[in-house]
Amino acid sequence: MSIDGGSLFASFLVSGLGFVLFEYGRRMKRPPQVGIGLVLMIFPYFVSSVWGMFGIALALVVVLWVALMRGM
């Protein structure tokens, strides 16, 4: 696993977004936000590519958005 500046910054960015979603979901008792927030906080440990992290994070946010538009 390579730890360079870009992957470290991307990891902090994605995990920070996950933390915000997790806290919002926990306080508002919203399971979709809690679940996606947890995944966003954890998966950067296993992905070392910057574009991979951003791609997976974007896909998860789209899944969350679709779930919310369908009334979950």
PDB file of N, CA and C in Angstrom:
ATOM      1  N   MET A   1       0.847  -1.177   0.000  1.00  0.00           N
ATOM      2  CA  MET A   1       0.000   0.000   0.000  1.00  0.00           C
ATOM      3  C   MET A   1       0.890   1.236   0.000  1.00  0.00           C
ATOM      4  N   SER A   2       0.655   2.114  -0.938  1.00  0.00           N
ATOM      5  CA  SER A   2       1.440   3.332  -1.004  1.00  0.00           C
ATOM      6  C   SER A   2       0.736   4.443  -0.230  1.00  0.00           C
ATOM      7  N   ILE A   3       1.507   5.146   0.555  1.00  0.00           N
ATOM      8  CA  ILE A   3       0.947   6.262   1.308  1.00  0.00           C
ATOM      9  C   ILE A   3       1.609   7.534   0.786  1.00  0.00           C
ATOM     10  N   ASP A   4       0.981   8.140  -0.191  1.00  0.00           N
ATOM     11  CA  ASP A   4       1.481   9.414  -0.694  1.00  0.00           C
ATOM     12  C   ASP A   4       0.494  10.508  -0.299  1.00  0.00           C
ATOM     13  N   GLY A   5       0.833  11.728  -0.616  1.00  0.00           N
ATOM     14  CA  GLY A   5       0.001  12.863  -0.197  1.00  0.00           C
ATOM     15  C   GLY A   5      -1.397  12.830  -0.771  1.00  0.00           C
ATOM     16  N   GLY A   6      -1.518  12.438  -2.030  1.00  0.00           N
ATOM     17  CA  GLY A   6      -2.834  12.422  -2.672  1.00  0.00           C
ATOM     18  C   GLY A   6      -3.773  11.400  -2.070  1.00  0.00           C
ATOM     19  N   SER A   7      -3.254  10.189  -1.827  1.00  0.00           N
ATOM     20  CA  SER A   7      -4.133   9.162  -1.258  1.00  0.00           C
ATOM     21  C   SER A   7      -4.479   9.477   0.195  1.00  0.00           C
ATOM     22  N   LEU A   8      -3.556  10.088   0.915  1.00  0.00           N
ATOM     23  CA  LEU A   8      -3.841  10.478   2.296  1.00  0.00           C
ATOM     24  C   LEU A   8      -4.917  11.558   2.347  1.00  0.00           C
ATOM     25  N   PHE A   9      -4.800  12.559   1.473  1.00  0.00           N
ATOM     26  CA  PHE A   9      -5.794  13.626   1.414  1.00  0.00           C
ATOM     27  C   PHE A   9      -7.159  13.072   0.996  1.00  0.00           C
ATOM     28  N   ALA A  10      -7.183  12.198  -0.024  1.00  0.00           N
ATOM     29  CA  ALA A  10      -8.440  11.609  -0.474  1.00  0.00           C
ATOM     30  C   ALA A  10      -9.073  10.773   0.632  1.00  0.00           C
ATOM     31  N   SER A  11      -8.243  10.039   1.369  1.00  0.00           N
ATOM     32  CA  SER A  11      -8.750   9.227   2.471  1.00  0.00           C
ATOM     33  C   SER A  11      -9.391  10.097   3.549  1.00  0.00           C
ATOM     34  N   PHE A  12      -8.739  11.207   3.910  1.00  0.00           N
ATOM     35  CA  PHE A  12      -9.307  12.115   4.907  1.00  0.00           C
ATOM     36  C   PHE A  12     -10.608  12.744   4.411  1.00  0.00           C
ATOM     37  N   LEU A  13     -10.640  13.104   3.142  1.00  0.00           N
ATOM     38  CA  LEU A  13     -11.826  13.729   2.567  1.00  0.00           C
ATOM     39  C   LEU A  13     -13.014  12.772   2.562  1.00  0.00           C
ATOM     40  N   VAL A  14     -12.793  11.560   2.072  1.00  0.00           N
ATOM     41  CA  VAL A  14     -13.872  10.573   1.991  1.00  0.00           C
ATOM     42  C   VAL A  14     -14.316  10.150   3.389  1.00  0.00           C
ATOM     43  N   SER A  15     -13.365   9.903   4.278  1.00  0.00           N
ATOM     44  CA  SER A  15     -13.725   9.505   5.643  1.00  0.00           C
ATOM     45  C   SER A  15     -14.435  10.627   6.391  1.00  0.00           C
ATOM     46  N   GLY A  16     -14.040  11.871   6.133  1.00  0.00           N
ATOM     47  CA  GLY A  16     -14.718  13.012   6.757  1.00  0.00           C
ATOM     48  C   GLY A  16     -16.163  13.115   6.309  1.00  0.00           C
ATOM     49  N   LEU A  17     -16.395  12.909   5.017  1.00  0.00           N
ATOM     50  CA  LEU A  17     -17.769  12.898   4.506  1.00  0.00           C
ATOM     51  C   LEU A  17     -18.561  11.762   5.150  1.00  0.00           C
ATOM     52  N   GLY A  18     -17.920  10.611   5.291  1.00  0.00           N
ATOM     53  CA  GLY A  18     -18.576   9.480   5.947  1.00  0.00           C
ATOM     54  C   GLY A  18     -18.929   9.770   7.386  1.00  0.00           C
ATOM     55  N   PHE A  19     -18.034  10.450   8.098  1.00  0.00           N
ATOM     56  CA  PHE A  19     -18.300  10.794   9.488  1.00  0.00           C
ATOM     57  C   PHE A  19     -19.475  11.743   9.606  1.00  0.00           C
ATOM     58  N   VAL A  20     -19.532  12.730   8.720  1.00  0.00           N
ATOM     59  CA  VAL A  20     -20.649  13.689   8.740  1.00  0.00           C
ATOM     60  C   VAL A  20     -21.959  12.972   8.466  1.00  0.00           C
ATOM     61  N   LEU A  21     -21.980  12.085   7.457  1.00  0.00           N
ATOM     62  CA  LEU A  21     -23.200  11.331   7.155  1.00  0.00           C
ATOM     63  C   LEU A  21     -23.592  10.417   8.310  1.00  0.00           C
ATOM     64  N   PHE A  22     -22.607   9.763   8.910  1.00  0.00           N
ATOM     65  CA  PHE A  22     -22.881   8.870  10.030  1.00  0.00           C
ATOM     66  C   PHE A  22     -23.489   9.625  11.203  1.00  0.00           C
ATOM     67  N   GLU A  23     -22.893  10.751  11.561  1.00  0.00           N
ATOM     68  CA  GLU A  23     -23.413  11.533  12.685  1.00  0.00           C
ATOM     69  C   GLU A  23     -24.810  12.074  12.397  1.00  0.00           C
ATOM     70  N   TYR A  24     -25.032  12.552  11.181  1.00  0.00           N
ATOM     71  CA  TYR A  24     -26.355  13.042  10.823  1.00  0.00           C
ATOM     72  C   TYR A  24     -27.377  11.913  10.916  1.00  0.00           C
ATOM     73  N   GLY A  25     -27.037  10.763  10.353  1.00  0.00           N
ATOM     74  CA  GLY A  25     -27.952   9.627  10.383  1.00  0.00           C
ATOM     75  C   GLY A  25     -28.213   9.128  11.790  1.00  0.00           C
ATOM     76  N   ARG A  26     -27.176   9.143  12.623  1.00  0.00           N
ATOM     77  CA  ARG A  26     -27.339   8.687  14.001  1.00  0.00           C
ATOM     78  C   ARG A  26     -28.242   9.623  14.781  1.00  0.00           C
ATOM     79  N   ARG A  27     -28.050  10.926  14.613  1.00  0.00           N
ATOM     80  CA  ARG A  27     -28.863  11.895  15.373  1.00  0.00           C
ATOM     81  C   ARG A  27     -30.309  11.945  14.887  1.00  0.00           C
ATOM     82  N   MET A  28     -30.506  11.789  13.587  1.00  0.00           N
ATOM     83  CA  MET A  28     -31.851  11.843  13.022  1.00  0.00           C
ATOM     84  C   MET A  28     -32.505  10.472  12.914  1.00  0.00           C
ATOM     85  N   LYS A  29     -31.774   9.432  13.360  1.00  0.00           N
ATOM     86  CA  LYS A  29     -32.261   8.051  13.302  1.00  0.00           C
ATOM     87  C   LYS A  29     -32.633   7.653  11.867  1.00  0.00           C
ATOM     88  N   ARG A  30     -31.679   7.848  10.943  1.00  0.00           N
ATOM     89  CA  ARG A  30     -31.841   7.538   9.528  1.00  0.00           C
ATOM     90  C   ARG A  30     -30.874   6.430   9.144  1.00  0.00           C
ATOM     91  N   PRO A  31     -31.326   5.187   9.047  1.00  0.00           N
ATOM     92  CA  PRO A  31     -30.436   4.063   8.738  1.00  0.00           C
ATOM     93  C   PRO A  31     -29.661   4.179   7.416  1.00  0.00           C
ATOM     94  N   PRO A  32     -30.231   4.711   6.318  1.00  0.00           N
ATOM     95  CA  PRO A  32     -29.420   4.791   5.087  1.00  0.00           C
ATOM     96  C   PRO A  32     -28.170   5.661   5.263  1.00  0.00           C
ATOM     97  N   GLN A  33     -28.303   6.790   5.935  1.00  0.00           N
ATOM     98  CA  GLN A  33     -27.151   7.659   6.140  1.00  0.00           C
ATOM     99  C   GLN A  33     -26.125   7.026   7.080  1.00  0.00           C
ATOM    100  N   VAL A  34     -26.612   6.320   8.097  1.00  0.00           N
ATOM    101  CA  VAL A  34     -25.694   5.642   9.017  1.00  0.00           C
ATOM    102  C   VAL A  34     -24.896   4.581   8.277  1.00  0.00           C
ATOM    103  N   GLY A  35     -25.567   3.773   7.478  1.00  0.00           N
ATOM    104  CA  GLY A  35     -24.890   2.697   6.753  1.00  0.00           C
ATOM    105  C   GLY A  35     -23.880   3.201   5.742  1.00  0.00           C
ATOM    106  N   ILE A  36     -24.282   4.158   4.914  1.00  0.00           N
ATOM    107  CA  ILE A  36     -23.370   4.706   3.911  1.00  0.00           C
ATOM    108  C   ILE A  36     -22.232   5.457   4.599  1.00  0.00           C
ATOM    109  N   GLY A  37     -22.526   6.144   5.685  1.00  0.00           N
ATOM    110  CA  GLY A  37     -21.479   6.845   6.425  1.00  0.00           C
ATOM    111  C   GLY A  37     -20.433   5.885   6.974  1.00  0.00           C
ATOM    112  N   LEU A  38     -20.867   4.759   7.518  1.00  0.00           N
ATOM    113  CA  LEU A  38     -19.925   3.756   8.017  1.00  0.00           C
ATOM    114  C   LEU A  38     -19.052   3.207   6.899  1.00  0.00           C
ATOM    115  N   VAL A  39     -19.674   2.889   5.773  1.00  0.00           N
ATOM    116  CA  VAL A  39     -18.910   2.353   4.645  1.00  0.00           C
ATOM    117  C   VAL A  39     -17.907   3.391   4.142  1.00  0.00           C
ATOM    118  N   LEU A  40     -18.316   4.656   4.072  1.00  0.00           N
ATOM    119  CA  LEU A  40     -17.407   5.709   3.618  1.00  0.00           C
ATOM    120  C   LEU A  40     -16.249   5.921   4.592  1.00  0.00           C
ATOM    121  N   MET A  41     -16.458   5.661   5.868  1.00  0.00           N
ATOM    122  CA  MET A  41     -15.373   5.816   6.826  1.00  0.00           C
ATOM    123  C   MET A  41     -14.403   4.642   6.773  1.00  0.00           C
ATOM    124  N   ILE A  42     -14.887   3.457   6.426  1.00  0.00           N
ATOM    125  CA  ILE A  42     -14.064   2.250   6.517  1.00  0.00           C
ATOM    126  C   ILE A  42     -13.338   1.906   5.224  1.00  0.00           C
ATOM    127  N   PHE A  43     -13.976   2.039   4.062  1.00  0.00           N
ATOM    128  CA  PHE A  43     -13.374   1.501   2.845  1.00  0.00           C
ATOM    129  C   PHE A  43     -12.073   2.168   2.412  1.00  0.00           C
ATOM    130  N   PRO A  44     -11.779   3.432   2.744  1.00  0.00           N
ATOM    131  CA  PRO A  44     -10.488   3.990   2.320  1.00  0.00           C
ATOM    132  C   PRO A  44      -9.267   3.256   2.882  1.00  0.00           C
ATOM    133  N   TYR A  45      -9.435   2.482   3.954  1.00  0.00           N
ATOM    134  CA  TYR A  45      -8.329   1.689   4.478  1.00  0.00           C
ATOM    135  C   TYR A  45      -7.904   0.600   3.497  1.00  0.00           C
ATOM    136  N   PHE A  46      -8.808   0.185   2.616  1.00  0.00           N
ATOM    137  CA  PHE A  46      -8.539  -0.934   1.730  1.00  0.00           C
ATOM    138  C   PHE A  46      -8.274  -0.529   0.285  1.00  0.00           C
ATOM    139  N   VAL A  47      -8.467   0.724  -0.066  1.00  0.00           N
ATOM    140  CA  VAL A  47      -8.267   1.211  -1.428  1.00  0.00           C
ATOM    141  C   VAL A  47      -7.135   2.232  -1.406  1.00  0.00           C
ATOM    142  N   SER A  48      -6.105   1.989  -2.204  1.00  0.00           N
ATOM    143  CA  SER A  48      -4.962   2.906  -2.183  1.00  0.00           C
ATOM    144  C   SER A  48      -4.981   3.903  -3.340  1.00  0.00           C
ATOM    145  N   SER A  49      -5.816   3.685  -4.340  1.00  0.00           N
ATOM    146  CA  SER A  49      -5.883   4.565  -5.498  1.00  0.00           C
ATOM    147  C   SER A  49      -6.781   5.770  -5.195  1.00  0.00           C
ATOM    148  N   VAL A  50      -6.296   6.954  -5.533  1.00  0.00           N
ATOM    149  CA  VAL A  50      -7.072   8.172  -5.299  1.00  0.00           C
ATOM    150  C   VAL A  50      -8.353   8.144  -6.126  1.00  0.00           C
ATOM    151  N   TRP A  51      -8.218   7.819  -7.412  1.00  0.00           N
ATOM    152  CA  TRP A  51      -9.399   7.788  -8.281  1.00  0.00           C
ATOM    153  C   TRP A  51     -10.347   6.665  -7.888  1.00  0.00           C
ATOM    154  N   GLY A  52      -9.801   5.572  -7.381  1.00  0.00           N
ATOM    155  CA  GLY A  52     -10.647   4.491  -6.887  1.00  0.00           C
ATOM    156  C   GLY A  52     -11.475   4.921  -5.693  1.00  0.00           C
ATOM    157  N   MET A  53     -10.844   5.647  -4.773  1.00  0.00           N
ATOM    158  CA  MET A  53     -11.568   6.142  -3.596  1.00  0.00           C
ATOM    159  C   MET A  53     -12.685   7.090  -3.995  1.00  0.00           C
ATOM    160  N   PHE A  54     -12.348   8.039  -4.885  1.00  0.00           N
ATOM    161  CA  PHE A  54     -13.371   8.992  -5.306  1.00  0.00           C
ATOM    162  C   PHE A  54     -14.476   8.307  -6.099  1.00  0.00           C
ATOM    163  N   GLY A  55     -14.136   7.321  -6.906  1.00  0.00           N
ATOM    164  CA  GLY A  55     -15.147   6.605  -7.687  1.00  0.00           C
ATOM    165  C   GLY A  55     -16.103   5.818  -6.805  1.00  0.00           C
ATOM    166  N   ILE A  56     -15.544   5.096  -5.832  1.00  0.00           N
ATOM    167  CA  ILE A  56     -16.384   4.326  -4.912  1.00  0.00           C
ATOM    168  C   ILE A  56     -17.233   5.263  -4.063  1.00  0.00           C
ATOM    169  N   ALA A  57     -16.656   6.348  -3.594  1.00  0.00           N
ATOM    170  CA  ALA A  57     -17.414   7.315  -2.784  1.00  0.00           C
ATOM    171  C   ALA A  57     -18.548   7.921  -3.598  1.00  0.00           C
ATOM    172  N   LEU A  58     -18.281   8.269  -4.845  1.00  0.00           N
ATOM    173  CA  LEU A  58     -19.329   8.822  -5.705  1.00  0.00           C
ATOM    174  C   LEU A  58     -20.439   7.802  -5.927  1.00  0.00           C
ATOM    175  N   ALA A  59     -20.075   6.553  -6.160  1.00  0.00           N
ATOM    176  CA  ALA A  59     -21.086   5.507  -6.350  1.00  0.00           C
ATOM    177  C   ALA A  59     -21.934   5.332  -5.092  1.00  0.00           C
ATOM    178  N   LEU A  60     -21.324   5.359  -3.930  1.00  0.00           N
ATOM    179  CA  LEU A  60     -22.078   5.213  -2.678  1.00  0.00           C
ATOM    180  C   LEU A  60     -23.015   6.388  -2.437  1.00  0.00           C
ATOM    181  N   VAL A  61     -22.571   7.589  -2.753  1.00  0.00           N
ATOM    182  CA  VAL A  61     -23.430   8.766  -2.585  1.00  0.00           C
ATOM    183  C   VAL A  61     -24.598   8.714  -3.557  1.00  0.00           C
ATOM    184  N   VAL A  62     -24.358   8.227  -4.767  1.00  0.00           N
ATOM    185  CA  VAL A  62     -25.457   8.067  -5.734  1.00  0.00           C
ATOM    186  C   VAL A  62     -26.448   7.023  -5.238  1.00  0.00           C
ATOM    187  N   VAL A  63     -25.956   5.918  -4.686  1.00  0.00           N
ATOM    188  CA  VAL A  63     -26.847   4.892  -4.126  1.00  0.00           C
ATOM    189  C   VAL A  63     -27.680   5.487  -2.991  1.00  0.00           C
ATOM    190  N   LEU A  64     -27.049   6.277  -2.138  1.00  0.00           N
ATOM    191  CA  LEU A  64     -27.789   6.938  -1.056  1.00  0.00           C
ATOM    192  C   LEU A  64     -28.847   7.876  -1.609  1.00  0.00           C
ATOM    193  N   TRP A  65     -28.491   8.661  -2.609  1.00  0.00           N
ATOM    194  CA  TRP A  65     -29.427   9.603  -3.204  1.00  0.00           C
ATOM    195  C   TRP A  65     -30.625   8.872  -3.808  1.00  0.00           C
ATOM    196  N   VAL A  66     -30.367   7.781  -4.533  1.00  0.00           N
ATOM    197  CA  VAL A  66     -31.456   7.003  -5.138  1.00  0.00           C
ATOM    198  C   VAL A  66     -32.341   6.402  -4.038  1.00  0.00           C
ATOM    199  N   ALA A  67     -31.731   5.894  -2.978  1.00  0.00           N
ATOM    200  CA  ALA A  67     -32.502   5.323  -1.865  1.00  0.00           C
ATOM    201  C   ALA A  67     -33.398   6.391  -1.226  1.00  0.00           C
ATOM    202  N   LEU A  68     -32.870   7.594  -1.075  1.00  0.00           N
ATOM    203  CA  LEU A  68     -33.667   8.657  -0.472  1.00  0.00           C
ATOM    204  C   LEU A  68     -34.775   9.127  -1.392  1.00  0.00           C
ATOM    205  N   MET A  69     -34.522   9.139  -2.689  1.00  0.00           N
ATOM    206  CA  MET A  69     -35.564   9.545  -3.653  1.00  0.00           C
ATOM    207  C   MET A  69     -36.686   8.512  -3.716  1.00  0.00           C
ATOM    208  N   ARG A  70     -36.379   7.262  -3.390  1.00  0.00           N
ATOM    209  CA  ARG A  70     -37.406   6.214  -3.384  1.00  0.00           C
ATOM    210  C   ARG A  70     -38.132   6.122  -2.042  1.00  0.00           C
ATOM    211  N   GLY A  71     -37.768   6.981  -1.104  1.00  0.00           N
ATOM    212  CA  GLY A  71     -38.518   7.062   0.146  1.00  0.00           C
ATOM    213  C   GLY A  71     -37.977   6.244   1.285  1.00  0.00           C
ATOM    214  N   MET A  72     -36.746   5.848   1.253  1.00  0.00           N
ATOM    215  CA  MET A  72     -36.203   5.046   2.356  1.00  0.00           C
ATOM    216  C   MET A  72     -35.874   5.897   3.539  1.00  0.00           C
TER     217      MET A  72
END
